């Protein structure tokens, strides 16, 4: 009878390198990251799972790999807030190159057309920008993440399909021209104009599409060469940290996050609760609406400063739509 191979003995185990200590799990809350260029939003989430010591991490609104700036991440129970962060208005600084159009409406695509933009005036640019400000019907870029019959539009384009997306209403509340600079291209390819802009818009607005449409309106084509998101709702670059700064946290120290109540105060109107109201909401019961009178979610904060729930009003009552401090 042949005996089974022996398992590793004490000596074998002693020779193995020790496993690195697991970082303490971060508390529930939001982390605002200054996303670097070249990283996808999923890359940042994957890195944050290691830094936060938990897999329960999500992001609120994708940024293209070429873009940098504010990416809001939720950890633990704060992932339940992300659906509301996604719908918040956003602010960007961008550079639009007039005179060149691309397949992706940004610098990562192949060149479709070239035109000499030297005759385009600042007056014409301002007029075209004005026409793209306010409530508009925007056709998203064909390489967006919008699903067409169950598949992402960009996946269909990469597979060689022709994709035409329907226009949809968005609001560009601010579209400011900050600077215009002529750039000479090599090999007598003519002159292009780099237009630095600031954009404030509703969720679902594509700045790439604004670049494309601005170039189209001016008859020379256009695409996006740089994009930096400076704000999502109430969260701006002033509270953002780079991945390097987040990684530098000591291995035995939990990640510092924006607590649930503080995060909610930056996004919603606030209802300060009595102890009795906090108890009722923790059981999922409604409370008197009082002077709220708002249909939008309201952050209900307990006397001890914790976030109890998000409320909506219905007649004389306020009811919880999300409960963060269950009984």
C-alpha atoms as a PDB file:
ATOM      1  CA  UNK A   1       0.000   0.000   0.000  1.00  0.00           C
ATOM      2  CA  UNK A   2       1.447   3.365  -1.060  1.00  0.00           C
ATOM      3  CA  UNK A   3       1.147   6.138   1.436  1.00  0.00           C
ATOM      4  CA  UNK A   4       0.023   9.626   0.387  1.00  0.00           C
ATOM      5  CA  UNK A   5       2.686  12.312   0.053  1.00  0.00           C
ATOM      6  CA  UNK A   6       3.317  14.064   3.284  1.00  0.00           C
ATOM      7  CA  UNK A   7       2.222  17.664   3.567  1.00  0.00           C
ATOM      8  CA  UNK A   8       4.614  20.459   4.344  1.00  0.00           C
ATOM      9  CA  UNK A   9       6.220  20.100   7.730  1.00  0.00           C
ATOM     10  CA  UNK A  10       7.042  22.766  10.278  1.00  0.00           C
ATOM     11  CA  UNK A  11      10.397  23.448   8.607  1.00  0.00           C
ATOM     12  CA  UNK A  12       8.698  24.087   5.232  1.00  0.00           C
ATOM     13  CA  UNK A  13       6.226  26.492   6.789  1.00  0.00           C
ATOM     14  CA  UNK A  14       8.990  28.368   8.581  1.00  0.00           C
ATOM     15  CA  UNK A  15      10.760  28.978   5.285  1.00  0.00           C
ATOM     16  CA  UNK A  16       7.725  30.602   3.649  1.00  0.00           C
ATOM     17  CA  UNK A  17       7.739  34.401   3.601  1.00  0.00           C
ATOM     18  CA  UNK A  18       5.166  35.876   5.995  1.00  0.00           C
ATOM     19  CA  UNK A  19       1.955  37.151   4.447  1.00  0.00           C
ATOM     20  CA  UNK A  20       1.631  40.926   4.463  1.00  0.00           C
ATOM     21  CA  UNK A  21      -0.680  42.217   7.160  1.00  0.00           C
ATOM     22  CA  UNK A  22      -4.145  43.036   5.871  1.00  0.00           C
ATOM     23  CA  UNK A  23      -4.869  46.758   5.986  1.00  0.00           C
ATOM     24  CA  UNK A  24      -7.623  47.629   8.472  1.00  0.00           C
ATOM     25  CA  UNK A  25     -11.012  47.989   6.827  1.00  0.00           C
ATOM     26  CA  UNK A  26     -11.902  51.602   6.152  1.00  0.00           C
ATOM     27  CA  UNK A  27     -15.055  52.986   7.795  1.00  0.00           C
ATOM     28  CA  UNK A  28     -18.146  53.703   5.718  1.00  0.00           C
ATOM     29  CA  UNK A  29     -17.781  56.937   3.793  1.00  0.00           C
ATOM     30  CA  UNK A  30     -16.776  58.675   0.587  1.00  0.00           C
ATOM     31  CA  UNK A  31     -13.301  59.182  -0.827  1.00  0.00           C
ATOM     32  CA  UNK A  32     -12.751  61.819  -3.504  1.00  0.00           C
ATOM     33  CA  UNK A  33      -9.881  60.800  -5.763  1.00  0.00           C
ATOM     34  CA  UNK A  34      -7.953  62.997  -8.192  1.00  0.00           C
ATOM     35  CA  UNK A  35      -7.866  60.390 -10.966  1.00  0.00           C
ATOM     36  CA  UNK A  36      -4.624  60.232 -12.956  1.00  0.00           C
ATOM     37  CA  UNK A  37      -4.503  60.128 -16.747  1.00  0.00           C
ATOM     38  CA  UNK A  38      -4.331  56.658 -18.263  1.00  0.00           C
ATOM     39  CA  UNK A  39      -6.388  54.969 -15.532  1.00  0.00           C
ATOM     40  CA  UNK A  40      -9.933  53.752 -16.045  1.00  0.00           C
ATOM     41  CA  UNK A  41     -12.472  54.344 -13.289  1.00  0.00           C
ATOM     42  CA  UNK A  42     -12.482  50.571 -12.708  1.00  0.00           C
ATOM     43  CA  UNK A  43      -8.681  50.647 -12.262  1.00  0.00           C
ATOM     44  CA  UNK A  44      -9.109  53.234  -9.504  1.00  0.00           C
ATOM     45  CA  UNK A  45     -11.825  51.162  -7.794  1.00  0.00           C
ATOM     46  CA  UNK A  46      -9.610  48.065  -7.896  1.00  0.00           C
ATOM     47  CA  UNK A  47      -6.717  49.991  -6.331  1.00  0.00           C
ATOM     48  CA  UNK A  48      -8.995  51.482  -3.689  1.00  0.00           C
ATOM     49  CA  UNK A  49     -10.183  48.020  -2.622  1.00  0.00           C
ATOM     50  CA  UNK A  50      -6.639  47.265  -1.531  1.00  0.00           C
ATOM     51  CA  UNK A  51      -6.141  50.626   0.156  1.00  0.00           C
ATOM     52  CA  UNK A  52      -9.505  50.451   1.957  1.00  0.00           C
ATOM     53  CA  UNK A  53      -9.186  46.801   2.955  1.00  0.00           C
ATOM     54  CA  UNK A  54     -12.601  45.880   1.522  1.00  0.00           C
ATOM     55  CA  UNK A  55     -14.148  44.864  -1.767  1.00  0.00           C
ATOM     56  CA  UNK A  56     -17.231  46.988  -1.112  1.00  0.00           C
ATOM     57  CA  UNK A  57     -16.082  49.987  -3.161  1.00  0.00           C
ATOM     58  CA  UNK A  58     -17.907  51.687  -6.044  1.00  0.00           C
ATOM     59  CA  UNK A  59     -17.599  54.863  -8.094  1.00  0.00           C
ATOM     60  CA  UNK A  60     -20.070  57.592  -9.035  1.00  0.00           C
ATOM     61  CA  UNK A  61     -19.708  58.357 -12.712  1.00  0.00           C
ATOM     62  CA  UNK A  62     -17.099  57.102 -15.150  1.00  0.00           C
ATOM     63  CA  UNK A  63     -14.180  59.238 -16.293  1.00  0.00           C
ATOM     64  CA  UNK A  64     -12.479  58.358 -19.583  1.00  0.00           C
ATOM     65  CA  UNK A  65      -8.872  57.101 -19.263  1.00  0.00           C
ATOM     66  CA  UNK A  66      -7.481  60.319 -20.799  1.00  0.00           C
ATOM     67  CA  UNK A  67      -9.370  62.473 -18.283  1.00  0.00           C
ATOM     68  CA  UNK A  68      -8.146  63.486 -14.848  1.00  0.00           C
ATOM     69  CA  UNK A  69      -9.800  64.938 -11.785  1.00  0.00           C
ATOM     70  CA  UNK A  70     -12.656  64.296  -9.404  1.00  0.00           C
ATOM     71  CA  UNK A  71     -13.832  60.698  -9.102  1.00  0.00           C
ATOM     72  CA  UNK A  72     -16.114  60.048  -6.117  1.00  0.00           C
ATOM     73  CA  UNK A  73     -15.788  56.604  -4.533  1.00  0.00           C
ATOM     74  CA  UNK A  74     -18.069  55.058  -1.931  1.00  0.00           C
ATOM     75  CA  UNK A  75     -16.881  52.569   0.686  1.00  0.00           C
ATOM     76  CA  UNK A  76     -19.139  50.230   2.630  1.00  0.00           C
ATOM     77  CA  UNK A  77     -22.618  51.635   3.248  1.00  0.00           C
ATOM     78  CA  UNK A  78     -21.653  54.835   1.424  1.00  0.00           C
ATOM     79  CA  UNK A  79     -21.981  52.950  -1.880  1.00  0.00           C
ATOM     80  CA  UNK A  80     -25.736  53.451  -1.388  1.00  0.00           C
ATOM     81  CA  UNK A  81     -25.211  57.203  -1.779  1.00  0.00           C
ATOM     82  CA  UNK A  82     -23.504  56.850  -5.156  1.00  0.00           C
ATOM     83  CA  UNK A  83     -26.753  56.691  -7.141  1.00  0.00           C
ATOM     84  CA  UNK A  84     -27.445  60.248  -5.976  1.00  0.00           C
ATOM     85  CA  UNK A  85     -23.886  61.450  -6.620  1.00  0.00           C
ATOM     86  CA  UNK A  86     -24.055  60.142 -10.203  1.00  0.00           C
ATOM     87  CA  UNK A  87     -26.975  62.458 -10.940  1.00  0.00           C
ATOM     88  CA  UNK A  88     -25.269  65.595  -9.591  1.00  0.00           C
ATOM     89  CA  UNK A  89     -24.098  68.387 -11.884  1.00  0.00           C
ATOM     90  CA  UNK A  90     -20.455  68.386 -12.924  1.00  0.00           C
ATOM     91  CA  UNK A  91     -17.783  70.935 -13.760  1.00  0.00           C
ATOM     92  CA  UNK A  92     -14.854  70.529 -16.161  1.00  0.00           C
ATOM     93  CA  UNK A  93     -11.845  72.333 -17.554  1.00  0.00           C
ATOM     94  CA  UNK A  94     -11.155  71.207 -21.111  1.00  0.00           C
ATOM     95  CA  UNK A  95      -9.190  71.981 -24.251  1.00  0.00           C
ATOM     96  CA  UNK A  96     -10.928  71.706 -27.621  1.00  0.00           C
ATOM     97  CA  UNK A  97      -8.840  71.580 -30.787  1.00  0.00           C
ATOM     98  CA  UNK A  98     -10.602  73.202 -33.757  1.00  0.00           C
ATOM     99  CA  UNK A  99      -9.492  72.065 -37.209  1.00  0.00           C
ATOM    100  CA  UNK A 100      -9.276  68.315 -36.615  1.00  0.00           C
ATOM    101  CA  UNK A 101     -12.056  65.773 -36.093  1.00  0.00           C
ATOM    102  CA  UNK A 102     -11.495  62.210 -34.847  1.00  0.00           C
ATOM    103  CA  UNK A 103     -13.357  58.915 -34.698  1.00  0.00           C
ATOM    104  CA  UNK A 104     -13.779  59.167 -30.930  1.00  0.00           C
ATOM    105  CA  UNK A 105     -14.232  62.958 -30.642  1.00  0.00           C
ATOM    106  CA  UNK A 106     -11.073  63.049 -28.514  1.00  0.00           C
ATOM    107  CA  UNK A 107      -7.320  62.758 -28.946  1.00  0.00           C
ATOM    108  CA  UNK A 108      -7.334  58.960 -28.617  1.00  0.00           C
ATOM    109  CA  UNK A 109      -9.197  58.411 -31.912  1.00  0.00           C
ATOM    110  CA  UNK A 110      -8.026  58.327 -35.506  1.00  0.00           C
ATOM    111  CA  UNK A 111      -8.110  61.551 -37.500  1.00  0.00           C
ATOM    112  CA  UNK A 112     -11.156  61.862 -39.767  1.00  0.00           C
ATOM    113  CA  UNK A 113     -10.758  65.363 -41.208  1.00  0.00           C
ATOM    114  CA  UNK A 114      -8.332  68.268 -41.150  1.00  0.00           C
ATOM    115  CA  UNK A 115      -9.094  71.888 -41.954  1.00  0.00           C
ATOM    116  CA  UNK A 116      -7.259  75.183 -41.683  1.00  0.00           C
ATOM    117  CA  UNK A 117      -8.900  76.992 -38.744  1.00  0.00           C
ATOM    118  CA  UNK A 118      -6.930  80.234 -39.077  1.00  0.00           C
ATOM    119  CA  UNK A 119      -9.984  82.122 -40.373  1.00  0.00           C
ATOM    120  CA  UNK A 120     -12.150  81.204 -37.363  1.00  0.00           C
ATOM    121  CA  UNK A 121     -12.628  84.323 -35.233  1.00  0.00           C
ATOM    122  CA  UNK A 122     -13.196  84.703 -31.525  1.00  0.00           C
ATOM    123  CA  UNK A 123     -16.581  86.261 -32.276  1.00  0.00           C
ATOM    124  CA  UNK A 124     -17.583  83.135 -34.240  1.00  0.00           C
ATOM    125  CA  UNK A 125     -16.350  80.858 -31.447  1.00  0.00           C
ATOM    126  CA  UNK A 126     -18.316  82.776 -28.809  1.00  0.00           C
ATOM    127  CA  UNK A 127     -21.472  82.629 -30.925  1.00  0.00           C
ATOM    128  CA  UNK A 128     -21.135  78.867 -31.470  1.00  0.00           C
ATOM    129  CA  UNK A 129     -20.455  78.319 -27.761  1.00  0.00           C
ATOM    130  CA  UNK A 130     -23.548  80.363 -26.924  1.00  0.00           C
ATOM    131  CA  UNK A 131     -25.677  78.135 -29.150  1.00  0.00           C
ATOM    132  CA  UNK A 132     -24.429  75.090 -27.188  1.00  0.00           C
ATOM    133  CA  UNK A 133     -25.277  76.638 -23.812  1.00  0.00           C
ATOM    134  CA  UNK A 134     -28.500  76.040 -21.916  1.00  0.00           C
ATOM    135  CA  UNK A 135     -30.953  73.188 -22.538  1.00  0.00           C
ATOM    136  CA  UNK A 136     -29.793  71.385 -25.700  1.00  0.00           C
ATOM    137  CA  UNK A 137     -30.395  68.098 -27.511  1.00  0.00           C
ATOM    138  CA  UNK A 138     -27.058  66.287 -27.564  1.00  0.00           C
ATOM    139  CA  UNK A 139     -26.095  63.204 -29.567  1.00  0.00           C
ATOM    140  CA  UNK A 140     -23.544  61.293 -27.456  1.00  0.00           C
ATOM    141  CA  UNK A 141     -20.273  60.122 -28.946  1.00  0.00           C
ATOM    142  CA  UNK A 142     -20.574  56.772 -30.715  1.00  0.00           C
ATOM    143  CA  UNK A 143     -17.822  55.377 -28.463  1.00  0.00           C
ATOM    144  CA  UNK A 144     -19.723  56.160 -25.260  1.00  0.00           C
ATOM    145  CA  UNK A 145     -20.731  53.553 -22.681  1.00  0.00           C
ATOM    146  CA  UNK A 146     -24.418  53.847 -23.608  1.00  0.00           C
ATOM    147  CA  UNK A 147     -25.969  50.450 -24.281  1.00  0.00           C
ATOM    148  CA  UNK A 148     -27.473  49.663 -27.688  1.00  0.00           C
ATOM    149  CA  UNK A 149     -29.525  46.444 -27.659  1.00  0.00           C
ATOM    150  CA  UNK A 150     -27.695  45.269 -24.568  1.00  0.00           C
ATOM    151  CA  UNK A 151     -24.153  46.071 -25.727  1.00  0.00           C
ATOM    152  CA  UNK A 152     -22.021  49.125 -25.052  1.00  0.00           C
ATOM    153  CA  UNK A 153     -21.831  51.498 -28.003  1.00  0.00           C
ATOM    154  CA  UNK A 154     -18.024  51.563 -27.885  1.00  0.00           C
ATOM    155  CA  UNK A 155     -17.898  47.749 -28.086  1.00  0.00           C
ATOM    156  CA  UNK A 156     -20.021  47.808 -31.219  1.00  0.00           C
ATOM    157  CA  UNK A 157     -17.825  50.492 -32.796  1.00  0.00           C
ATOM    158  CA  UNK A 158     -14.660  48.519 -32.014  1.00  0.00           C
ATOM    159  CA  UNK A 159     -16.279  45.478 -33.631  1.00  0.00           C
ATOM    160  CA  UNK A 160     -16.641  47.474 -36.848  1.00  0.00           C
ATOM    161  CA  UNK A 161     -20.337  48.298 -36.576  1.00  0.00           C
ATOM    162  CA  UNK A 162     -21.867  51.639 -37.496  1.00  0.00           C
ATOM    163  CA  UNK A 163     -23.528  53.093 -34.405  1.00  0.00           C
ATOM    164  CA  UNK A 164     -25.922  56.026 -34.444  1.00  0.00           C
ATOM    165  CA  UNK A 165     -27.197  57.160 -31.081  1.00  0.00           C
ATOM    166  CA  UNK A 166     -30.323  59.194 -30.507  1.00  0.00           C
ATOM    167  CA  UNK A 167     -30.102  62.722 -29.163  1.00  0.00           C
ATOM    168  CA  UNK A 168     -31.128  63.349 -25.594  1.00  0.00           C
ATOM    169  CA  UNK A 169     -31.801  66.463 -23.552  1.00  0.00           C
ATOM    170  CA  UNK A 170     -28.997  67.827 -21.374  1.00  0.00           C
ATOM    171  CA  UNK A 171     -28.335  71.228 -19.856  1.00  0.00           C
ATOM    172  CA  UNK A 172     -25.037  73.067 -20.217  1.00  0.00           C
ATOM    173  CA  UNK A 173     -25.464  75.797 -17.624  1.00  0.00           C
ATOM    174  CA  UNK A 174     -22.044  77.309 -18.247  1.00  0.00           C
ATOM    175  CA  UNK A 175     -19.765  77.080 -21.312  1.00  0.00           C
ATOM    176  CA  UNK A 176     -17.017  79.684 -21.012  1.00  0.00           C
ATOM    177  CA  UNK A 177     -14.108  80.306 -23.368  1.00  0.00           C
ATOM    178  CA  UNK A 178     -11.037  80.981 -21.220  1.00  0.00           C
ATOM    179  CA  UNK A 179      -8.355  81.253 -23.927  1.00  0.00           C
ATOM    180  CA  UNK A 180      -7.805  80.678 -27.654  1.00  0.00           C
ATOM    181  CA  UNK A 181      -4.382  79.859 -29.063  1.00  0.00           C
ATOM    182  CA  UNK A 182      -3.208  79.235 -32.630  1.00  0.00           C
ATOM    183  CA  UNK A 183      -1.128  76.086 -33.106  1.00  0.00           C
ATOM    184  CA  UNK A 184       0.786  75.512 -36.327  1.00  0.00           C
ATOM    185  CA  UNK A 185       0.863  71.910 -37.498  1.00  0.00           C
ATOM    186  CA  UNK A 186       3.927  70.395 -39.210  1.00  0.00           C
ATOM    187  CA  UNK A 187       4.175  69.628 -42.926  1.00  0.00           C
ATOM    188  CA  UNK A 188       2.048  72.621 -43.983  1.00  0.00           C
ATOM    189  CA  UNK A 189      -1.065  71.014 -42.498  1.00  0.00           C
ATOM    190  CA  UNK A 190      -2.457  74.435 -41.656  1.00  0.00           C
ATOM    191  CA  UNK A 191      -3.388  76.085 -38.385  1.00  0.00           C
ATOM    192  CA  UNK A 192      -5.557  74.670 -35.628  1.00  0.00           C
ATOM    193  CA  UNK A 193      -7.001  76.532 -32.657  1.00  0.00           C
ATOM    194  CA  UNK A 194      -6.772  75.221 -29.111  1.00  0.00           C
ATOM    195  CA  UNK A 195      -9.721  76.573 -27.123  1.00  0.00           C
ATOM    196  CA  UNK A 196      -9.571  76.306 -23.334  1.00  0.00           C
ATOM    197  CA  UNK A 197     -13.068  76.147 -21.843  1.00  0.00           C
ATOM    198  CA  UNK A 198     -14.911  75.720 -18.572  1.00  0.00           C
ATOM    199  CA  UNK A 199     -18.085  73.639 -18.665  1.00  0.00           C
ATOM    200  CA  UNK A 200     -20.753  73.173 -15.994  1.00  0.00           C
ATOM    201  CA  UNK A 201     -23.416  70.672 -17.029  1.00  0.00           C
ATOM    202  CA  UNK A 202     -25.974  68.131 -15.951  1.00  0.00           C
ATOM    203  CA  UNK A 203     -25.199  64.470 -15.554  1.00  0.00           C
ATOM    204  CA  UNK A 204     -25.095  62.644 -18.887  1.00  0.00           C
ATOM    205  CA  UNK A 205     -23.508  65.514 -20.825  1.00  0.00           C
ATOM    206  CA  UNK A 206     -20.525  64.523 -22.965  1.00  0.00           C
ATOM    207  CA  UNK A 207     -17.823  67.199 -23.182  1.00  0.00           C
ATOM    208  CA  UNK A 208     -16.382  65.264 -26.137  1.00  0.00           C
ATOM    209  CA  UNK A 209     -19.665  65.785 -27.938  1.00  0.00           C
ATOM    210  CA  UNK A 210     -19.519  69.514 -27.150  1.00  0.00           C
ATOM    211  CA  UNK A 211     -16.070  69.620 -28.766  1.00  0.00           C
ATOM    212  CA  UNK A 212     -17.353  67.757 -31.819  1.00  0.00           C
ATOM    213  CA  UNK A 213     -20.420  69.983 -32.162  1.00  0.00           C
ATOM    214  CA  UNK A 214     -18.445  73.203 -31.668  1.00  0.00           C
ATOM    215  CA  UNK A 215     -16.081  72.218 -34.473  1.00  0.00           C
ATOM    216  CA  UNK A 216     -18.994  71.182 -36.660  1.00  0.00           C
ATOM    217  CA  UNK A 217     -20.809  74.478 -36.123  1.00  0.00           C
ATOM    218  CA  UNK A 218     -17.667  76.376 -37.148  1.00  0.00           C
ATOM    219  CA  UNK A 219     -17.155  74.206 -40.237  1.00  0.00           C
ATOM    220  CA  UNK A 220     -13.660  73.011 -39.331  1.00  0.00           C
ATOM    221  CA  UNK A 221     -14.257  69.980 -37.107  1.00  0.00           C
ATOM    222  CA  UNK A 222     -13.142  69.626 -33.531  1.00  0.00           C
ATOM    223  CA  UNK A 223     -12.141  67.185 -30.842  1.00  0.00           C
ATOM    224  CA  UNK A 224     -11.184  67.123 -27.173  1.00  0.00           C
ATOM    225  CA  UNK A 225      -7.471  67.094 -26.312  1.00  0.00           C
ATOM    226  CA  UNK A 226      -7.612  67.508 -22.516  1.00  0.00           C
ATOM    227  CA  UNK A 227     -10.281  67.058 -19.844  1.00  0.00           C
ATOM    228  CA  UNK A 228     -10.127  67.633 -16.113  1.00  0.00           C
ATOM    229  CA  UNK A 229     -13.189  67.215 -13.913  1.00  0.00           C
ATOM    230  CA  UNK A 230     -13.009  69.808 -11.161  1.00  0.00           C
ATOM    231  CA  UNK A 231     -16.280  69.122  -9.341  1.00  0.00           C
ATOM    232  CA  UNK A 232     -19.052  66.555  -8.914  1.00  0.00           C
ATOM    233  CA  UNK A 233     -21.996  68.007  -7.002  1.00  0.00           C
ATOM    234  CA  UNK A 234     -20.614  69.347  -3.729  1.00  0.00           C
ATOM    235  CA  UNK A 235     -17.238  67.631  -4.052  1.00  0.00           C
ATOM    236  CA  UNK A 236     -14.382  69.543  -5.680  1.00  0.00           C
ATOM    237  CA  UNK A 237     -10.660  69.182  -6.187  1.00  0.00           C
ATOM    238  CA  UNK A 238     -10.048  70.883  -2.826  1.00  0.00           C
ATOM    239  CA  UNK A 239     -11.130  67.656  -1.063  1.00  0.00           C
ATOM    240  CA  UNK A 240      -9.620  65.261  -3.620  1.00  0.00           C
ATOM    241  CA  UNK A 241      -6.488  63.193  -2.984  1.00  0.00           C
ATOM    242  CA  UNK A 242      -4.181  61.489  -5.441  1.00  0.00           C
ATOM    243  CA  UNK A 243      -3.676  57.731  -5.379  1.00  0.00           C
ATOM    244  CA  UNK A 244      -0.100  58.346  -4.239  1.00  0.00           C
ATOM    245  CA  UNK A 245      -1.391  60.255  -1.223  1.00  0.00           C
ATOM    246  CA  UNK A 246      -3.893  57.511  -0.425  1.00  0.00           C
ATOM    247  CA  UNK A 247      -1.345  54.719  -0.809  1.00  0.00           C
ATOM    248  CA  UNK A 248       0.997  56.557   1.572  1.00  0.00           C
ATOM    249  CA  UNK A 249      -1.352  55.820   4.488  1.00  0.00           C
ATOM    250  CA  UNK A 250       0.413  53.612   7.021  1.00  0.00           C
ATOM    251  CA  UNK A 251      -0.386  49.908   6.678  1.00  0.00           C
ATOM    252  CA  UNK A 252      -1.813  49.738  10.198  1.00  0.00           C
ATOM    253  CA  UNK A 253      -3.960  52.877   9.830  1.00  0.00           C
ATOM    254  CA  UNK A 254      -7.523  52.776   8.447  1.00  0.00           C
ATOM    255  CA  UNK A 255      -8.159  54.999   5.463  1.00  0.00           C
ATOM    256  CA  UNK A 256      -9.461  58.461   6.325  1.00  0.00           C
ATOM    257  CA  UNK A 257     -12.842  58.902   4.626  1.00  0.00           C
ATOM    258  CA  UNK A 258     -15.543  61.545   4.402  1.00  0.00           C
ATOM    259  CA  UNK A 259     -18.079  60.240   6.984  1.00  0.00           C
ATOM    260  CA  UNK A 260     -21.616  59.480   5.860  1.00  0.00           C
ATOM    261  CA  UNK A 261     -23.197  62.477   7.599  1.00  0.00           C
ATOM    262  CA  UNK A 262     -20.594  64.920   6.292  1.00  0.00           C
ATOM    263  CA  UNK A 263     -20.904  63.468   2.791  1.00  0.00           C
ATOM    264  CA  UNK A 264     -24.686  63.812   2.907  1.00  0.00           C
ATOM    265  CA  UNK A 265     -24.489  67.423   4.113  1.00  0.00           C
ATOM    266  CA  UNK A 266     -22.495  68.282   0.972  1.00  0.00           C
ATOM    267  CA  UNK A 267     -25.212  66.845  -1.258  1.00  0.00           C
ATOM    268  CA  UNK A 268     -28.638  67.299   0.294  1.00  0.00           C
ATOM    269  CA  UNK A 269     -30.732  69.671   2.386  1.00  0.00           C
ATOM    270  CA  UNK A 270     -30.531  68.626   6.040  1.00  0.00           C
ATOM    271  CA  UNK A 271     -33.241  67.764   8.594  1.00  0.00           C
ATOM    272  CA  UNK A 272     -31.953  67.713  12.171  1.00  0.00           C
ATOM    273  CA  UNK A 273     -33.908  65.060  14.057  1.00  0.00           C
ATOM    274  CA  UNK A 274     -35.186  64.727  17.576  1.00  0.00           C
ATOM    275  CA  UNK A 275     -34.281  61.467  19.362  1.00  0.00           C
ATOM    276  CA  UNK A 276     -37.860  60.256  18.824  1.00  0.00           C
ATOM    277  CA  UNK A 277     -37.732  60.993  15.076  1.00  0.00           C
ATOM    278  CA  UNK A 278     -34.359  59.262  14.735  1.00  0.00           C
ATOM    279  CA  UNK A 279     -35.767  56.179  16.455  1.00  0.00           C
ATOM    280  CA  UNK A 280     -38.872  56.114  14.242  1.00  0.00           C
ATOM    281  CA  UNK A 281     -36.848  56.418  11.027  1.00  0.00           C
ATOM    282  CA  UNK A 282     -34.477  53.665  12.142  1.00  0.00           C
ATOM    283  CA  UNK A 283     -37.509  51.361  12.112  1.00  0.00           C
ATOM    284  CA  UNK A 284     -38.482  52.571   8.632  1.00  0.00           C
ATOM    285  CA  UNK A 285     -41.452  54.609   9.913  1.00  0.00           C
ATOM    286  CA  UNK A 286     -42.466  58.008   8.568  1.00  0.00           C
ATOM    287  CA  UNK A 287     -42.319  61.250  10.541  1.00  0.00           C
ATOM    288  CA  UNK A 288     -44.039  64.609  10.188  1.00  0.00           C
ATOM    289  CA  UNK A 289     -42.747  66.526   7.195  1.00  0.00           C
ATOM    290  CA  UNK A 290     -42.724  69.742   9.162  1.00  0.00           C
ATOM    291  CA  UNK A 291     -41.364  72.571   7.019  1.00  0.00           C
ATOM    292  CA  UNK A 292     -39.431  70.354   4.576  1.00  0.00           C
ATOM    293  CA  UNK A 293     -41.821  70.680   1.660  1.00  0.00           C
ATOM    294  CA  UNK A 294     -39.255  69.268  -0.753  1.00  0.00           C
ATOM    295  CA  UNK A 295     -39.570  66.262  -3.021  1.00  0.00           C
ATOM    296  CA  UNK A 296     -35.787  65.888  -3.349  1.00  0.00           C
ATOM    297  CA  UNK A 297     -33.989  63.627  -0.840  1.00  0.00           C
ATOM    298  CA  UNK A 298     -33.246  65.250   2.492  1.00  0.00           C
ATOM    299  CA  UNK A 299     -30.486  64.022   4.807  1.00  0.00           C
ATOM    300  CA  UNK A 300     -31.914  63.162   8.234  1.00  0.00           C
ATOM    301  CA  UNK A 301     -29.244  63.678  10.903  1.00  0.00           C
ATOM    302  CA  UNK A 302     -29.584  62.323  14.448  1.00  0.00           C
ATOM    303  CA  UNK A 303     -28.747  64.403  17.536  1.00  0.00           C
ATOM    304  CA  UNK A 304     -25.420  62.535  17.825  1.00  0.00           C
ATOM    305  CA  UNK A 305     -24.472  63.667  14.293  1.00  0.00           C
ATOM    306  CA  UNK A 306     -24.950  60.360  12.466  1.00  0.00           C
ATOM    307  CA  UNK A 307     -26.820  59.989   9.179  1.00  0.00           C
ATOM    308  CA  UNK A 308     -30.029  58.093   9.898  1.00  0.00           C
ATOM    309  CA  UNK A 309     -31.777  58.139   6.517  1.00  0.00           C
ATOM    310  CA  UNK A 310     -32.564  59.955   3.316  1.00  0.00           C
ATOM    311  CA  UNK A 311     -36.112  61.298   3.291  1.00  0.00           C
ATOM    312  CA  UNK A 312     -38.674  62.322   0.708  1.00  0.00           C
ATOM    313  CA  UNK A 313     -41.918  64.087   1.512  1.00  0.00           C
ATOM    314  CA  UNK A 314     -45.412  62.946   0.671  1.00  0.00           C
ATOM    315  CA  UNK A 315     -48.093  65.305   1.866  1.00  0.00           C
ATOM    316  CA  UNK A 316     -47.784  65.848   5.612  1.00  0.00           C
ATOM    317  CA  UNK A 317     -45.292  62.995   6.057  1.00  0.00           C
ATOM    318  CA  UNK A 318     -41.598  62.435   5.400  1.00  0.00           C
ATOM    319  CA  UNK A 319     -40.654  58.845   4.723  1.00  0.00           C
ATOM    320  CA  UNK A 320     -37.229  57.184   4.495  1.00  0.00           C
ATOM    321  CA  UNK A 321     -36.061  56.061   1.051  1.00  0.00           C
ATOM    322  CA  UNK A 322     -32.740  54.806   2.433  1.00  0.00           C
ATOM    323  CA  UNK A 323     -32.042  53.928   6.057  1.00  0.00           C
ATOM    324  CA  UNK A 324     -28.396  54.020   7.146  1.00  0.00           C
ATOM    325  CA  UNK A 325     -28.892  53.514  10.894  1.00  0.00           C
ATOM    326  CA  UNK A 326     -31.382  50.648  11.231  1.00  0.00           C
ATOM    327  CA  UNK A 327     -32.744  49.829  14.652  1.00  0.00           C
END
